[in-house]
PDB file of all heavy atoms in Angstrom:
ATOM      1  N   TRP A   1     -18.056 -21.375  10.701  1.00  0.00           N
ATOM      2  CA  TRP A   1     -16.914 -22.247  10.206  1.00  0.00           C
ATOM      3  C   TRP A   1     -17.405 -22.907   8.916  1.00  0.00           C
ATOM      4  O   TRP A   1     -16.583 -23.307   8.096  1.00  0.00           O
ATOM      5  CB  TRP A   1     -16.500 -23.250  11.197  1.00  0.00           C
ATOM      6  CG  TRP A   1     -15.816 -22.592  12.397  1.00  0.00           C
ATOM      7  CD1 TRP A   1     -15.093 -21.492  12.403  1.00  0.00           C
ATOM      8  CD2 TRP A   1     -16.073 -23.080  13.720  1.00  0.00           C
ATOM      9  NE1 TRP A   1     -14.641 -21.061  13.722  1.00  0.00           N
ATOM     10  CE2 TRP A   1     -15.409 -22.137  14.634  1.00  0.00           C
ATOM     11  CE3 TRP A   1     -16.765 -24.048  14.298  1.00  0.00           C
ATOM     12  CZ2 TRP A   1     -15.341 -22.187  15.955  1.00  0.00           C
ATOM     13  CZ3 TRP A   1     -16.755 -24.131  15.689  1.00  0.00           C
ATOM     14  CH2 TRP A   1     -16.055 -23.251  16.542  1.00  0.00           C
ATOM     15  N   THR A   2     -18.783 -23.010   8.638  1.00  0.00           N
ATOM     16  CA  THR A   2     -19.234 -23.642   7.389  1.00  0.00           C
ATOM     17  C   THR A   2     -19.800 -22.629   6.483  1.00  0.00           C
ATOM     18  O   THR A   2     -20.548 -22.908   5.572  1.00  0.00           O
ATOM     19  CB  THR A   2     -20.330 -24.740   7.703  1.00  0.00           C
ATOM     20  OG1 THR A   2     -21.287 -24.206   8.641  1.00  0.00           O
ATOM     21  CG2 THR A   2     -19.616 -25.833   8.391  1.00  0.00           C
ATOM     22  N   ARG A   3     -19.544 -21.357   6.703  1.00  0.00           N
ATOM     23  CA  ARG A   3     -19.930 -20.174   6.017  1.00  0.00           C
ATOM     24  C   ARG A   3     -21.507 -20.055   5.702  1.00  0.00           C
ATOM     25  O   ARG A   3     -21.885 -19.734   4.628  1.00  0.00           O
ATOM     26  CB  ARG A   3     -19.204 -20.243   4.567  1.00  0.00           C
ATOM     27  CG  ARG A   3     -17.692 -20.145   4.709  1.00  0.00           C
ATOM     28  CD  ARG A   3     -16.997 -20.035   3.328  1.00  0.00           C
ATOM     29  NE  ARG A   3     -17.112 -18.589   3.001  1.00  0.00           N
ATOM     30  CZ  ARG A   3     -17.953 -18.217   1.851  1.00  0.00           C
ATOM     31  NH1 ARG A   3     -18.635 -19.073   1.222  1.00  0.00           N
ATOM     32  NH2 ARG A   3     -18.015 -16.928   1.540  1.00  0.00           N
ATOM     33  N   LYS A   4     -22.271 -20.218   6.787  1.00  0.00           N
ATOM     34  CA  LYS A   4     -23.637 -19.911   6.636  1.00  0.00           C
ATOM     35  C   LYS A   4     -23.796 -18.541   6.694  1.00  0.00           C
ATOM     36  O   LYS A   4     -23.013 -17.740   7.051  1.00  0.00           O
ATOM     37  CB  LYS A   4     -24.354 -20.659   7.740  1.00  0.00           C
ATOM     38  CG  LYS A   4     -24.522 -22.073   7.684  1.00  0.00           C
ATOM     39  CD  LYS A   4     -25.426 -22.692   8.736  1.00  0.00           C
ATOM     40  CE  LYS A   4     -25.695 -24.228   8.555  1.00  0.00           C
ATOM     41  NZ  LYS A   4     -26.518 -24.827   9.511  1.00  0.00           N
ATOM     42  N   ASN A   5     -25.051 -17.987   6.250  1.00  0.00           N
ATOM     43  CA  ASN A   5     -25.406 -16.613   6.279  1.00  0.00           C
ATOM     44  C   ASN A   5     -25.371 -16.161   7.815  1.00  0.00           C
ATOM     45  O   ASN A   5     -26.084 -16.813   8.658  1.00  0.00           O
ATOM     46  CB  ASN A   5     -26.741 -16.258   5.663  1.00  0.00           C
ATOM     47  CG  ASN A   5     -26.605 -16.519   4.126  1.00  0.00           C
ATOM     48  OD1 ASN A   5     -25.637 -16.154   3.545  1.00  0.00           O
ATOM     49  ND2 ASN A   5     -27.653 -17.160   3.691  1.00  0.00           N
ATOM     50  N   TYR A   6     -24.771 -15.105   8.177  1.00  0.00           N
ATOM     51  CA  TYR A   6     -24.996 -14.576   9.461  1.00  0.00           C
ATOM     52  C   TYR A   6     -25.117 -12.984   9.391  1.00  0.00           C
ATOM     53  O   TYR A   6     -24.566 -12.309   8.613  1.00  0.00           O
ATOM     54  CB  TYR A   6     -23.922 -14.872  10.404  1.00  0.00           C
ATOM     55  CG  TYR A   6     -22.476 -14.493  10.051  1.00  0.00           C
ATOM     56  CD1 TYR A   6     -21.831 -13.300  10.385  1.00  0.00           C
ATOM     57  CD2 TYR A   6     -21.603 -15.483   9.289  1.00  0.00           C
ATOM     58  CE1 TYR A   6     -20.647 -12.953  10.047  1.00  0.00           C
ATOM     59  CE2 TYR A   6     -20.312 -15.134   8.855  1.00  0.00           C
ATOM     60  CZ  TYR A   6     -19.847 -13.779   9.343  1.00  0.00           C
ATOM     61  OH  TYR A   6     -18.509 -13.443   8.989  1.00  0.00           O
ATOM     62  N   LEU A   7     -25.882 -12.387  10.269  1.00  0.00           N
ATOM     63  CA  LEU A   7     -26.197 -10.865  10.348  1.00  0.00           C
ATOM     64  C   LEU A   7     -25.658 -10.517  11.702  1.00  0.00           C
ATOM     65  O   LEU A   7     -26.164 -11.054  12.788  1.00  0.00           O
ATOM     66  CB  LEU A   7     -27.652 -10.709  10.072  1.00  0.00           C
ATOM     67  CG  LEU A   7     -27.977  -9.249  10.295  1.00  0.00           C
ATOM     68  CD1 LEU A   7     -27.539  -8.390   9.174  1.00  0.00           C
ATOM     69  CD2 LEU A   7     -29.565  -9.037  10.317  1.00  0.00           C
ATOM     70  N   GLY A   8     -24.830  -9.465  11.785  1.00  0.00           N
ATOM     71  CA  GLY A   8     -24.310  -8.908  13.023  1.00  0.00           C
ATOM     72  C   GLY A   8     -25.182  -7.745  13.411  1.00  0.00           C
ATOM     73  O   GLY A   8     -25.356  -6.866  12.511  1.00  0.00           O
ATOM     74  N   LEU A   9     -25.550  -7.627  14.627  1.00  0.00           N
ATOM     75  CA  LEU A   9     -26.396  -6.518  15.111  1.00  0.00           C
ATOM     76  C   LEU A   9     -25.625  -5.903  16.270  1.00  0.00           C
ATOM     77  O   LEU A   9     -25.063  -6.510  17.100  1.00  0.00           O
ATOM     78  CB  LEU A   9     -27.817  -6.915  15.496  1.00  0.00           C
ATOM     79  CG  LEU A   9     -28.622  -7.648  14.497  1.00  0.00           C
ATOM     80  CD1 LEU A   9     -29.749  -8.427  15.147  1.00  0.00           C
ATOM     81  CD2 LEU A   9     -29.258  -6.515  13.546  1.00  0.00           C
ATOM     82  N   GLY A  10     -25.586  -4.463  16.318  1.00  0.00           N
ATOM     83  CA  GLY A  10     -24.829  -3.792  17.348  1.00  0.00           C
ATOM     84  C   GLY A  10     -23.538  -3.388  16.851  1.00  0.00           C
ATOM     85  O   GLY A  10     -23.046  -3.587  15.772  1.00  0.00           O
ATOM     86  N   LEU A  11     -22.890  -2.497  17.654  1.00  0.00           N
ATOM     87  CA  LEU A  11     -21.590  -1.935  17.444  1.00  0.00           C
ATOM     88  C   LEU A  11     -20.568  -2.758  16.792  1.00  0.00           C
ATOM     89  O   LEU A  11     -20.184  -3.683  17.498  1.00  0.00           O
ATOM     90  CB  LEU A  11     -21.044  -1.116  18.710  1.00  0.00           C
ATOM     91  CG  LEU A  11     -19.874  -0.207  18.515  1.00  0.00           C
ATOM     92  CD1 LEU A  11     -20.349   0.970  17.824  1.00  0.00           C
ATOM     93  CD2 LEU A  11     -19.269   0.094  19.797  1.00  0.00           C
ATOM     94  N   GLY A  12     -19.940  -2.395  15.673  1.00  0.00           N
ATOM     95  CA  GLY A  12     -18.884  -3.138  15.071  1.00  0.00           C
ATOM     96  C   GLY A  12     -19.055  -4.587  14.597  1.00  0.00           C
ATOM     97  O   GLY A  12     -18.077  -5.210  14.225  1.00  0.00           O
ATOM     98  N   SER A  13     -20.330  -4.943  14.671  1.00  0.00           N
ATOM     99  CA  SER A  13     -20.488  -6.424  14.362  1.00  0.00           C
ATOM    100  C   SER A  13     -20.473  -6.732  12.962  1.00  0.00           C
ATOM    101  O   SER A  13     -20.854  -5.800  12.078  1.00  0.00           O
ATOM    102  CB  SER A  13     -21.880  -6.914  14.838  1.00  0.00           C
ATOM    103  OG  SER A  13     -22.946  -6.076  14.401  1.00  0.00           O
ATOM    104  N   ALA A  14     -19.907  -7.851  12.530  1.00  0.00           N
ATOM    105  CA  ALA A  14     -19.700  -8.167  11.039  1.00  0.00           C
ATOM    106  C   ALA A  14     -20.872  -9.059  10.521  1.00  0.00           C
ATOM    107  O   ALA A  14     -21.420  -9.821  11.461  1.00  0.00           O
ATOM    108  CB  ALA A  14     -18.375  -8.891  10.901  1.00  0.00           C
ATOM    109  N   SER A  15     -21.096  -9.098   9.172  1.00  0.00           N
ATOM    110  CA  SER A  15     -22.108  -9.840   8.579  1.00  0.00           C
ATOM    111  C   SER A  15     -21.551 -10.405   7.322  1.00  0.00           C
ATOM    112  O   SER A  15     -20.679  -9.960   6.708  1.00  0.00           O
ATOM    113  CB  SER A  15     -23.292  -8.984   8.261  1.00  0.00           C
ATOM    114  OG  SER A  15     -23.895  -8.327   9.447  1.00  0.00           O
ATOM    115  N   LEU A  16     -22.201 -11.580   7.027  1.00  0.00           N
ATOM    116  CA  LEU A  16     -21.880 -12.270   5.682  1.00  0.00           C
ATOM    117  C   LEU A  16     -23.219 -12.841   5.204  1.00  0.00           C
ATOM    118  O   LEU A  16     -23.646 -13.787   5.686  1.00  0.00           O
ATOM    119  CB  LEU A  16     -20.815 -13.423   5.871  1.00  0.00           C
ATOM    120  CG  LEU A  16     -20.480 -14.072   4.558  1.00  0.00           C
ATOM    121  CD1 LEU A  16     -19.793 -13.269   3.466  1.00  0.00           C
ATOM    122  CD2 LEU A  16     -19.679 -15.337   4.718  1.00  0.00           C
ATOM    123  N   VAL A  17     -23.654 -12.224   4.167  1.00  0.00           N
ATOM    124  CA  VAL A  17     -24.942 -12.747   3.687  1.00  0.00           C
ATOM    125  C   VAL A  17     -24.974 -12.726   2.131  1.00  0.00           C
ATOM    126  O   VAL A  17     -24.702 -11.894   1.488  1.00  0.00           O
ATOM    127  CB  VAL A  17     -26.203 -11.747   4.062  1.00  0.00           C
ATOM    128  CG1 VAL A  17     -27.598 -12.266   3.566  1.00  0.00           C
ATOM    129  CG2 VAL A  17     -26.277 -11.361   5.530  1.00  0.00           C
ATOM    130  N   GLU A  18     -25.192 -14.059   1.673  1.00  0.00           N
ATOM    131  CA  GLU A  18     -25.092 -14.394   0.233  1.00  0.00           C
ATOM    132  C   GLU A  18     -23.805 -13.855  -0.324  1.00  0.00           C
ATOM    133  O   GLU A  18     -23.732 -13.336  -1.385  1.00  0.00           O
ATOM    134  CB  GLU A  18     -26.237 -13.713  -0.426  1.00  0.00           C
ATOM    135  CG  GLU A  18     -27.685 -14.024   0.118  1.00  0.00           C
ATOM    136  CD  GLU A  18     -27.964 -15.494   0.104  1.00  0.00           C
ATOM    137  OE1 GLU A  18     -27.268 -16.253  -0.448  1.00  0.00           O
ATOM    138  OE2 GLU A  18     -28.915 -15.929   0.998  1.00  0.00           O
ATOM    139  N   ASN A  19     -22.660 -14.187   0.327  1.00  0.00           N
ATOM    140  CA  ASN A  19     -21.385 -13.849  -0.030  1.00  0.00           C
ATOM    141  C   ASN A  19     -20.989 -12.390  -0.115  1.00  0.00           C
ATOM    142  O   ASN A  19     -20.071 -11.841  -0.856  1.00  0.00           O
ATOM    143  CB  ASN A  19     -21.020 -14.523  -1.334  1.00  0.00           C
ATOM    144  CG  ASN A  19     -20.818 -16.081  -1.266  1.00  0.00           C
ATOM    145  OD1 ASN A  19     -19.985 -16.471  -0.283  1.00  0.00           O
ATOM    146  ND2 ASN A  19     -21.450 -16.780  -1.930  1.00  0.00           N
ATOM    147  N   VAL A  20     -21.858 -11.566   0.585  1.00  0.00           N
ATOM    148  CA  VAL A  20     -21.540 -10.057   0.715  1.00  0.00           C
ATOM    149  C   VAL A  20     -21.236  -9.846   2.135  1.00  0.00           C
ATOM    150  O   VAL A  20     -21.814 -10.225   3.080  1.00  0.00           O
ATOM    151  CB  VAL A  20     -22.813  -9.191   0.321  1.00  0.00           C
ATOM    152  CG1 VAL A  20     -22.520  -7.829   0.574  1.00  0.00           C
ATOM    153  CG2 VAL A  20     -23.191  -9.461  -1.151  1.00  0.00           C
ATOM    154  N   ARG A  21     -19.983  -9.202   2.344  1.00  0.00           N
ATOM    155  CA  ARG A  21     -19.501  -9.018   3.615  1.00  0.00           C
ATOM    156  C   ARG A  21     -19.610  -7.512   3.964  1.00  0.00           C
ATOM    157  O   ARG A  21     -19.295  -6.670   3.148  1.00  0.00           O
ATOM    158  CB  ARG A  21     -18.040  -9.440   3.700  1.00  0.00           C
ATOM    159  CG  ARG A  21     -17.404  -9.371   5.145  1.00  0.00           C
ATOM    160  CD  ARG A  21     -15.961  -9.769   5.205  1.00  0.00           C
ATOM    161  NE  ARG A  21     -15.751 -11.076   4.701  1.00  0.00           N
ATOM    162  CZ  ARG A  21     -16.065 -12.176   5.277  1.00  0.00           C
ATOM    163  NH1 ARG A  21     -16.546 -12.095   6.470  1.00  0.00           N
ATOM    164  NH2 ARG A  21     -15.837 -13.404   4.848  1.00  0.00           N
ATOM    165  N   PHE A  22     -20.046  -7.160   5.133  1.00  0.00           N
ATOM    166  CA  PHE A  22     -20.270  -5.806   5.598  1.00  0.00           C
ATOM    167  C   PHE A  22     -20.243  -5.821   7.148  1.00  0.00           C
ATOM    168  O   PHE A  22     -20.362  -6.730   7.811  1.00  0.00           O
ATOM    169  CB  PHE A  22     -21.430  -5.150   5.098  1.00  0.00           C
ATOM    170  CG  PHE A  22     -22.766  -5.965   5.311  1.00  0.00           C
ATOM    171  CD1 PHE A  22     -23.567  -5.617   6.394  1.00  0.00           C
ATOM    172  CD2 PHE A  22     -23.011  -6.893   4.441  1.00  0.00           C
ATOM    173  CE1 PHE A  22     -24.723  -6.263   6.557  1.00  0.00           C
ATOM    174  CE2 PHE A  22     -24.273  -7.791   4.700  1.00  0.00           C
ATOM    175  CZ  PHE A  22     -25.146  -7.339   5.743  1.00  0.00           C
ATOM    176  N   SER A  23     -19.855  -4.563   7.690  1.00  0.00           N
ATOM    177  CA  SER A  23     -19.820  -4.443   9.180  1.00  0.00           C
ATOM    178  C   SER A  23     -20.509  -3.228   9.645  1.00  0.00           C
ATOM    179  O   SER A  23     -20.557  -2.171   8.773  1.00  0.00           O
ATOM    180  CB  SER A  23     -18.428  -4.352   9.611  1.00  0.00           C
ATOM    181  OG  SER A  23     -17.711  -5.547   9.249  1.00  0.00           O
ATOM    182  N   ASN A  24     -20.960  -3.218  10.860  1.00  0.00           N
ATOM    183  CA  ASN A  24     -21.494  -1.971  11.381  1.00  0.00           C
ATOM    184  C   ASN A  24     -20.439  -1.078  11.826  1.00  0.00           C
ATOM    185  O   ASN A  24     -19.164  -1.536  11.966  1.00  0.00           O
ATOM    186  CB  ASN A  24     -22.331  -2.327  12.632  1.00  0.00           C
ATOM    187  CG  ASN A  24     -23.789  -2.724  12.330  1.00  0.00           C
ATOM    188  OD1 ASN A  24     -24.170  -2.743  11.189  1.00  0.00           O
ATOM    189  ND2 ASN A  24     -24.631  -3.085  13.365  1.00  0.00           N
ATOM    190  N   THR A  25     -20.706   0.160  11.984  1.00  0.00           N
ATOM    191  CA  THR A  25     -19.797   1.139  12.539  1.00  0.00           C
ATOM    192  C   THR A  25     -19.244   0.742  13.787  1.00  0.00           C
ATOM    193  O   THR A  25     -19.883   0.198  14.656  1.00  0.00           O
ATOM    194  CB  THR A  25     -20.388   2.575  12.710  1.00  0.00           C
ATOM    195  OG1 THR A  25     -19.367   3.468  13.192  1.00  0.00           O
ATOM    196  CG2 THR A  25     -21.492   2.539  13.642  1.00  0.00           C
ATOM    197  N   SER A  26     -17.897   1.057  13.975  1.00  0.00           N
ATOM    198  CA  SER A  26     -17.216   0.730  15.331  1.00  0.00           C
ATOM    199  C   SER A  26     -17.260   2.091  16.180  1.00  0.00           C
ATOM    200  O   SER A  26     -16.669   2.034  17.253  1.00  0.00           O
ATOM    201  CB  SER A  26     -15.843   0.303  15.007  1.00  0.00           C
ATOM    202  OG  SER A  26     -15.853  -0.903  14.404  1.00  0.00           O
ATOM    203  N   ASP A  27     -17.827   3.143  15.704  1.00  0.00           N
ATOM    204  CA  ASP A  27     -17.859   4.467  16.443  1.00  0.00           C
ATOM    205  C   ASP A  27     -19.136   4.487  17.274  1.00  0.00           C
ATOM    206  O   ASP A  27     -20.243   4.603  16.778  1.00  0.00           O
ATOM    207  CB  ASP A  27     -17.805   5.550  15.359  1.00  0.00           C
ATOM    208  CG  ASP A  27     -17.811   6.974  16.050  1.00  0.00           C
ATOM    209  OD1 ASP A  27     -18.274   7.077  17.183  1.00  0.00           O
ATOM    210  OD2 ASP A  27     -17.305   7.877  15.412  1.00  0.00           O
ATOM    211  N   LEU A  28     -18.962   4.381  18.654  1.00  0.00           N
ATOM    212  CA  LEU A  28     -20.023   4.360  19.522  1.00  0.00           C
ATOM    213  C   LEU A  28     -20.961   5.568  19.297  1.00  0.00           C
ATOM    214  O   LEU A  28     -22.245   5.437  19.333  1.00  0.00           O
ATOM    215  CB  LEU A  28     -19.601   4.265  20.948  1.00  0.00           C
ATOM    216  CG  LEU A  28     -20.677   4.067  22.058  1.00  0.00           C
ATOM    217  CD1 LEU A  28     -21.577   2.939  21.860  1.00  0.00           C
ATOM    218  CD2 LEU A  28     -20.213   4.104  23.398  1.00  0.00           C
ATOM    219  N   LYS A  29     -20.320   6.735  19.273  1.00  0.00           N
ATOM    220  CA  LYS A  29     -21.159   7.887  19.029  1.00  0.00           C
ATOM    221  C   LYS A  29     -22.028   7.928  17.847  1.00  0.00           C
ATOM    222  O   LYS A  29     -23.271   8.256  17.960  1.00  0.00           O
ATOM    223  CB  LYS A  29     -20.170   9.117  18.978  1.00  0.00           C
ATOM    224  CG  LYS A  29     -20.802  10.533  18.949  1.00  0.00           C
ATOM    225  CD  LYS A  29     -19.822  11.663  19.079  1.00  0.00           C
ATOM    226  CE  LYS A  29     -20.535  13.111  18.971  1.00  0.00           C
ATOM    227  NZ  LYS A  29     -21.216  13.368  17.700  1.00  0.00           N
ATOM    228  N   ALA A  30     -21.453   7.445  16.640  1.00  0.00           N
ATOM    229  CA  ALA A  30     -22.283   7.325  15.515  1.00  0.00           C
ATOM    230  C   ALA A  30     -23.301   6.354  15.756  1.00  0.00           C
ATOM    231  O   ALA A  30     -24.502   6.510  15.276  1.00  0.00           O
ATOM    232  CB  ALA A  30     -21.303   6.925  14.354  1.00  0.00           C
ATOM    233  N   TYR A  31     -23.072   5.181  16.292  1.00  0.00           N
ATOM    234  CA  TYR A  31     -24.110   4.218  16.451  1.00  0.00           C
ATOM    235  C   TYR A  31     -25.280   4.693  17.280  1.00  0.00           C
ATOM    236  O   TYR A  31     -26.438   4.506  17.003  1.00  0.00           O
ATOM    237  CB  TYR A  31     -23.537   2.887  17.124  1.00  0.00           C
ATOM    238  CG  TYR A  31     -24.521   1.841  17.263  1.00  0.00           C
ATOM    239  CD1 TYR A  31     -24.669   0.842  16.048  1.00  0.00           C
ATOM    240  CD2 TYR A  31     -25.338   1.561  18.229  1.00  0.00           C
ATOM    241  CE1 TYR A  31     -25.446  -0.209  16.184  1.00  0.00           C
ATOM    242  CE2 TYR A  31     -26.201   0.597  18.407  1.00  0.00           C
ATOM    243  CZ  TYR A  31     -26.459  -0.311  17.176  1.00  0.00           C
ATOM    244  OH  TYR A  31     -27.253  -1.415  17.143  1.00  0.00           O
ATOM    245  N   LEU A  32     -24.866   5.338  18.373  1.00  0.00           N
ATOM    246  CA  LEU A  32     -25.943   5.967  19.307  1.00  0.00           C
ATOM    247  C   LEU A  32     -26.884   7.089  18.612  1.00  0.00           C
ATOM    248  O   LEU A  32     -27.862   7.300  19.035  1.00  0.00           O
ATOM    249  CB  LEU A  32     -25.305   6.465  20.522  1.00  0.00           C
ATOM    250  CG  LEU A  32     -24.714   5.447  21.426  1.00  0.00           C
ATOM    251  CD1 LEU A  32     -24.060   6.119  22.662  1.00  0.00           C
ATOM    252  CD2 LEU A  32     -25.630   4.420  21.994  1.00  0.00           C
ATOM    253  N   GLU A  33     -26.283   7.619  17.498  1.00  0.00           N
ATOM    254  CA  GLU A  33     -27.089   8.571  16.687  1.00  0.00           C
ATOM    255  C   GLU A  33     -27.782   7.899  15.630  1.00  0.00           C
ATOM    256  O   GLU A  33     -28.389   8.569  14.649  1.00  0.00           O
ATOM    257  CB  GLU A  33     -26.061   9.613  16.129  1.00  0.00           C
ATOM    258  CG  GLU A  33     -25.488  10.472  17.293  1.00  0.00           C
ATOM    259  CD  GLU A  33     -24.422  11.496  16.703  1.00  0.00           C
ATOM    260  OE1 GLU A  33     -23.997  11.361  15.532  1.00  0.00           O
ATOM    261  OE2 GLU A  33     -23.906  12.345  17.476  1.00  0.00           O
ATOM    262  N   GLY A  34     -27.639   6.596  15.400  1.00  0.00           N
ATOM    263  CA  GLY A  34     -28.511   5.868  14.509  1.00  0.00           C
ATOM    264  C   GLY A  34     -27.843   5.544  13.195  1.00  0.00           C
ATOM    265  O   GLY A  34     -28.424   5.052  12.313  1.00  0.00           O
ATOM    266  N   GLU A  35     -26.502   5.853  13.086  1.00  0.00           N
ATOM    267  CA  GLU A  35     -25.720   5.514  12.078  1.00  0.00           C
ATOM    268  C   GLU A  35     -25.166   4.022  12.139  1.00  0.00           C
ATOM    269  O   GLU A  35     -23.983   3.893  12.421  1.00  0.00           O
ATOM    270  CB  GLU A  35     -24.647   6.521  11.792  1.00  0.00           C
ATOM    271  CG  GLU A  35     -25.092   7.959  11.674  1.00  0.00           C
ATOM    272  CD  GLU A  35     -24.006   9.048  11.511  1.00  0.00           C
ATOM    273  OE1 GLU A  35     -22.902   8.668  11.155  1.00  0.00           O
ATOM    274  OE2 GLU A  35     -24.321  10.135  11.874  1.00  0.00           O
ATOM    275  N   PHE A  36     -25.966   3.092  11.857  1.00  0.00           N
ATOM    276  CA  PHE A  36     -25.692   1.700  12.223  1.00  0.00           C
ATOM    277  C   PHE A  36     -24.606   1.156  11.162  1.00  0.00           C
ATOM    278  O   PHE A  36     -23.578   0.514  11.526  1.00  0.00           O
ATOM    279  CB  PHE A  36     -26.753   0.855  12.246  1.00  0.00           C
ATOM    280  CG  PHE A  36     -27.813   1.355  13.036  1.00  0.00           C
ATOM    281  CD1 PHE A  36     -29.209   1.280  12.652  1.00  0.00           C
ATOM    282  CD2 PHE A  36     -27.670   1.739  14.344  1.00  0.00           C
ATOM    283  CE1 PHE A  36     -30.291   1.671  13.486  1.00  0.00           C
ATOM    284  CE2 PHE A  36     -28.653   2.165  15.285  1.00  0.00           C
ATOM    285  CZ  PHE A  36     -29.960   2.142  14.765  1.00  0.00           C
TER     286      PHE A  36
END
């Protein structure tokens, strides 16, 4: 809520680091093949 840096690990998890937003894949098959 105070916009600190956070890193999401695992399927579909979202991240916000230094005002850059990105998310992991939501495809379980892709994640299990290492395409995080």
